Amino acid sequence: MGAGGNIMKSQTLSPPVLRKAGLDALAKKLGPLGMVRFLQQYESGSGDYTREREQWLKDVELDDILESRAKHRGRFTP
């Protein structure tokens, strides 16, 4: 079966089945150690990003963001 058939099939798989198929593909291509090393790059992290973001941005105004964007791009596009 060609690559197009595999893509269509993966769109209909349930999340657990898709996850297993993905892990199987990684293990086949990278080997067990390579698969583990690859997966270790994607950690879920910790904390509450939404709450922390509110703290980081509490004093930032939209005009400040647009002004910074304009400086970096060399033009102002509201």
N, C-alpha and C. Protein backbone atom coordinates (compact mmCIF):
# COMPACT_ATOMS: atom_id res chain seq x y z
N MET A 1 0.84 -1.18 0.00
CA MET A 1 0.00 0.00 0.00
C MET A 1 0.88 1.23 0.00
N GLY A 2 0.55 2.26 -0.78
CA GLY A 2 1.34 3.47 -0.87
C GLY A 2 1.17 4.36 0.34
N ALA A 3 1.96 5.44 0.36
CA ALA A 3 1.92 6.36 1.49
C ALA A 3 0.55 6.99 1.66
N GLY A 4 -0.15 7.27 0.56
CA GLY A 4 -1.48 7.87 0.64
C GLY A 4 -2.46 6.97 1.37
N GLY A 5 -2.35 5.65 1.16
CA GLY A 5 -3.23 4.72 1.85
C GLY A 5 -2.97 4.70 3.34
N ASN A 6 -1.71 4.78 3.74
CA ASN A 6 -1.37 4.82 5.16
C ASN A 6 -1.89 6.08 5.83
N ILE A 7 -1.83 7.20 5.12
CA ILE A 7 -2.32 8.46 5.69
C ILE A 7 -3.82 8.38 5.90
N MET A 8 -4.55 7.89 4.94
CA MET A 8 -6.00 7.79 5.07
C MET A 8 -6.36 6.85 6.21
N LYS A 9 -5.66 5.75 6.34
CA LYS A 9 -5.96 4.79 7.39
C LYS A 9 -5.71 5.41 8.77
N SER A 10 -4.64 6.16 8.92
CA SER A 10 -4.31 6.74 10.22
C SER A 10 -5.35 7.75 10.67
N GLN A 11 -6.07 8.35 9.75
CA GLN A 11 -7.09 9.34 10.10
C GLN A 11 -8.31 8.70 10.74
N THR A 12 -8.48 7.40 10.58
CA THR A 12 -9.66 6.73 11.13
C THR A 12 -9.34 5.92 12.38
N LEU A 13 -8.09 5.86 12.80
CA LEU A 13 -7.71 5.08 13.98
C LEU A 13 -8.09 5.81 15.26
N SER A 14 -8.45 5.04 16.27
CA SER A 14 -8.72 5.64 17.58
C SER A 14 -7.40 6.13 18.17
N PRO A 15 -7.43 7.08 19.11
CA PRO A 15 -6.18 7.59 19.69
C PRO A 15 -5.26 6.51 20.27
N PRO A 16 -5.77 5.53 21.03
CA PRO A 16 -4.85 4.50 21.54
C PRO A 16 -4.20 3.67 20.44
N VAL A 17 -4.98 3.34 19.42
CA VAL A 17 -4.46 2.53 18.31
C VAL A 17 -3.45 3.36 17.50
N LEU A 18 -3.76 4.63 17.29
CA LEU A 18 -2.84 5.51 16.56
C LEU A 18 -1.53 5.67 17.33
N ARG A 19 -1.62 5.82 18.66
CA ARG A 19 -0.41 5.95 19.49
C ARG A 19 0.46 4.70 19.37
N LYS A 20 -0.17 3.51 19.45
CA LYS A 20 0.59 2.26 19.33
C LYS A 20 1.24 2.16 17.97
N ALA A 21 0.51 2.51 16.92
CA ALA A 21 1.07 2.46 15.57
C ALA A 21 2.25 3.41 15.44
N GLY A 22 2.13 4.60 16.04
CA GLY A 22 3.22 5.56 16.00
C GLY A 22 4.45 5.06 16.74
N LEU A 23 4.24 4.48 17.93
CA LEU A 23 5.36 3.94 18.68
C LEU A 23 6.01 2.78 17.93
N ASP A 24 5.19 1.94 17.32
CA ASP A 24 5.73 0.83 16.52
C ASP A 24 6.58 1.35 15.36
N ALA A 25 6.09 2.41 14.70
CA ALA A 25 6.83 2.97 13.57
C ALA A 25 8.16 3.58 14.04
N LEU A 26 8.11 4.28 15.17
CA LEU A 26 9.36 4.84 15.71
C LEU A 26 10.35 3.75 16.08
N ALA A 27 9.86 2.71 16.75
CA ALA A 27 10.75 1.61 17.15
C ALA A 27 11.34 0.92 15.93
N LYS A 28 10.54 0.76 14.89
CA LYS A 28 11.02 0.08 13.67
C LYS A 28 12.09 0.93 12.98
N LYS A 29 11.86 2.24 12.92
CA LYS A 29 12.78 3.12 12.20
C LYS A 29 14.02 3.48 13.02
N LEU A 30 13.83 3.74 14.33
CA LEU A 30 14.93 4.22 15.17
C LEU A 30 15.52 3.16 16.09
N GLY A 31 14.84 2.04 16.24
CA GLY A 31 15.24 1.04 17.23
C GLY A 31 14.70 1.45 18.59
N PRO A 32 14.66 0.52 19.53
CA PRO A 32 14.08 0.83 20.85
C PRO A 32 14.76 1.99 21.57
N LEU A 33 16.08 2.02 21.57
CA LEU A 33 16.80 3.10 22.25
C LEU A 33 16.57 4.43 21.56
N GLY A 34 16.61 4.44 20.25
CA GLY A 34 16.36 5.67 19.50
C GLY A 34 14.96 6.18 19.73
N MET A 35 13.99 5.27 19.82
CA MET A 35 12.61 5.66 20.08
C MET A 35 12.51 6.34 21.44
N VAL A 36 13.12 5.75 22.46
CA VAL A 36 13.08 6.33 23.80
C VAL A 36 13.75 7.69 23.82
N ARG A 37 14.91 7.80 23.19
CA ARG A 37 15.62 9.08 23.15
C ARG A 37 14.79 10.15 22.45
N PHE A 38 14.10 9.77 21.37
CA PHE A 38 13.23 10.71 20.66
C PHE A 38 12.08 11.16 21.55
N LEU A 39 11.43 10.23 22.21
CA LEU A 39 10.28 10.55 23.06
C LEU A 39 10.67 11.40 24.26
N GLN A 40 11.90 11.24 24.75
CA GLN A 40 12.35 12.03 25.89
C GLN A 40 12.45 13.52 25.56
N GLN A 41 12.49 13.86 24.28
CA GLN A 41 12.55 15.26 23.88
C GLN A 41 11.22 15.97 24.10
N TYR A 42 10.14 15.21 24.29
CA TYR A 42 8.80 15.78 24.42
C TYR A 42 8.25 15.52 25.82
N GLU A 43 8.57 16.42 26.74
CA GLU A 43 8.11 16.29 28.11
C GLU A 43 6.84 17.12 28.27
N SER A 44 5.96 16.69 29.15
CA SER A 44 4.73 17.43 29.36
C SER A 44 4.95 18.68 30.21
N GLY A 45 6.05 18.75 30.93
CA GLY A 45 6.34 19.92 31.73
C GLY A 45 5.50 19.97 32.99
N SER A 46 5.53 21.11 33.66
CA SER A 46 4.76 21.26 34.88
C SER A 46 4.28 22.69 34.99
N GLY A 47 3.39 22.94 35.92
CA GLY A 47 2.88 24.28 36.13
C GLY A 47 1.59 24.52 35.39
N ASP A 48 1.10 25.73 35.51
CA ASP A 48 -0.15 26.15 34.88
C ASP A 48 0.18 27.29 33.93
N TYR A 49 0.38 26.95 32.66
CA TYR A 49 0.82 27.93 31.67
C TYR A 49 -0.15 29.11 31.59
N THR A 50 -1.45 28.84 31.61
CA THR A 50 -2.44 29.91 31.48
C THR A 50 -2.33 30.90 32.62
N ARG A 51 -2.23 30.41 33.82
CA ARG A 51 -2.11 31.28 35.00
C ARG A 51 -0.78 32.05 34.96
N GLU A 52 0.30 31.37 34.61
CA GLU A 52 1.60 32.03 34.54
C GLU A 52 1.63 33.09 33.44
N ARG A 53 1.01 32.79 32.31
CA ARG A 53 0.96 33.75 31.20
C ARG A 53 0.23 35.02 31.63
N GLU A 54 -0.85 34.87 32.37
CA GLU A 54 -1.58 36.04 32.86
C GLU A 54 -0.67 36.92 33.71
N GLN A 55 0.18 36.31 34.53
CA GLN A 55 1.12 37.08 35.35
C GLN A 55 2.16 37.79 34.49
N TRP A 56 2.71 37.07 33.49
CA TRP A 56 3.75 37.65 32.64
C TRP A 56 3.21 38.83 31.84
N LEU A 57 1.95 38.73 31.42
CA LEU A 57 1.40 39.72 30.51
C LEU A 57 0.50 40.75 31.18
N LYS A 58 0.42 40.75 32.51
CA LYS A 58 -0.54 41.61 33.19
C LYS A 58 -0.32 43.10 32.91
N ASP A 59 0.90 43.53 32.64
CA ASP A 59 1.18 44.94 32.39
C ASP A 59 1.43 45.25 30.92
N VAL A 60 1.19 44.30 30.05
CA VAL A 60 1.46 44.49 28.62
C VAL A 60 0.16 44.90 27.92
N GLU A 61 0.24 45.98 27.16
CA GLU A 61 -0.91 46.47 26.41
C GLU A 61 -0.77 46.07 24.94
N LEU A 62 -1.89 46.01 24.25
CA LEU A 62 -1.89 45.65 22.83
C LEU A 62 -1.02 46.61 22.03
N ASP A 63 -1.09 47.90 22.34
CA ASP A 63 -0.26 48.88 21.63
C ASP A 63 1.23 48.57 21.77
N ASP A 64 1.63 48.08 22.95
CA ASP A 64 3.04 47.71 23.17
C ASP A 64 3.44 46.56 22.24
N ILE A 65 2.56 45.59 22.12
CA ILE A 65 2.83 44.43 21.26
C ILE A 65 2.94 44.87 19.81
N LEU A 66 1.99 45.70 19.35
CA LEU A 66 2.01 46.17 17.96
C LEU A 66 3.24 47.01 17.67
N GLU A 67 3.63 47.85 18.62
CA GLU A 67 4.82 48.67 18.44
C GLU A 67 6.08 47.80 18.34
N SER A 68 6.18 46.81 19.20
CA SER A 68 7.33 45.90 19.17
C SER A 68 7.37 45.14 17.85
N ARG A 69 6.21 44.69 17.41
CA ARG A 69 6.12 43.95 16.14
C ARG A 69 6.57 44.85 14.98
N ALA A 70 6.14 46.09 14.99
CA ALA A 70 6.51 47.02 13.93
C ALA A 70 8.01 47.24 13.90
N LYS A 71 8.62 47.38 15.07
CA LYS A 71 10.07 47.58 15.13
C LYS A 71 10.82 46.39 14.55
N HIS A 72 10.33 45.19 14.86
CA HIS A 72 11.02 43.99 14.40
C HIS A 72 10.81 43.75 12.92
N ARG A 73 9.67 44.14 12.42
CA ARG A 73 9.37 43.93 11.00
C ARG A 73 9.73 45.13 10.14
N GLY A 74 9.94 46.26 10.78
CA GLY A 74 10.30 47.46 10.02
C GLY A 74 9.09 48.18 9.45
N ARG A 75 7.88 47.78 9.85
CA ARG A 75 6.68 48.47 9.38
C ARG A 75 5.55 48.24 10.39
N PHE A 76 4.57 49.06 10.36
CA PHE A 76 3.45 48.96 11.28
C PHE A 76 2.21 48.51 10.50
N THR A 77 1.64 47.38 10.90
CA THR A 77 0.44 46.86 10.26
C THR A 77 -0.58 46.53 11.34
N PRO A 78 -1.50 47.46 11.62
CA PRO A 78 -2.47 47.19 12.69
C PRO A 78 -3.44 46.08 12.34
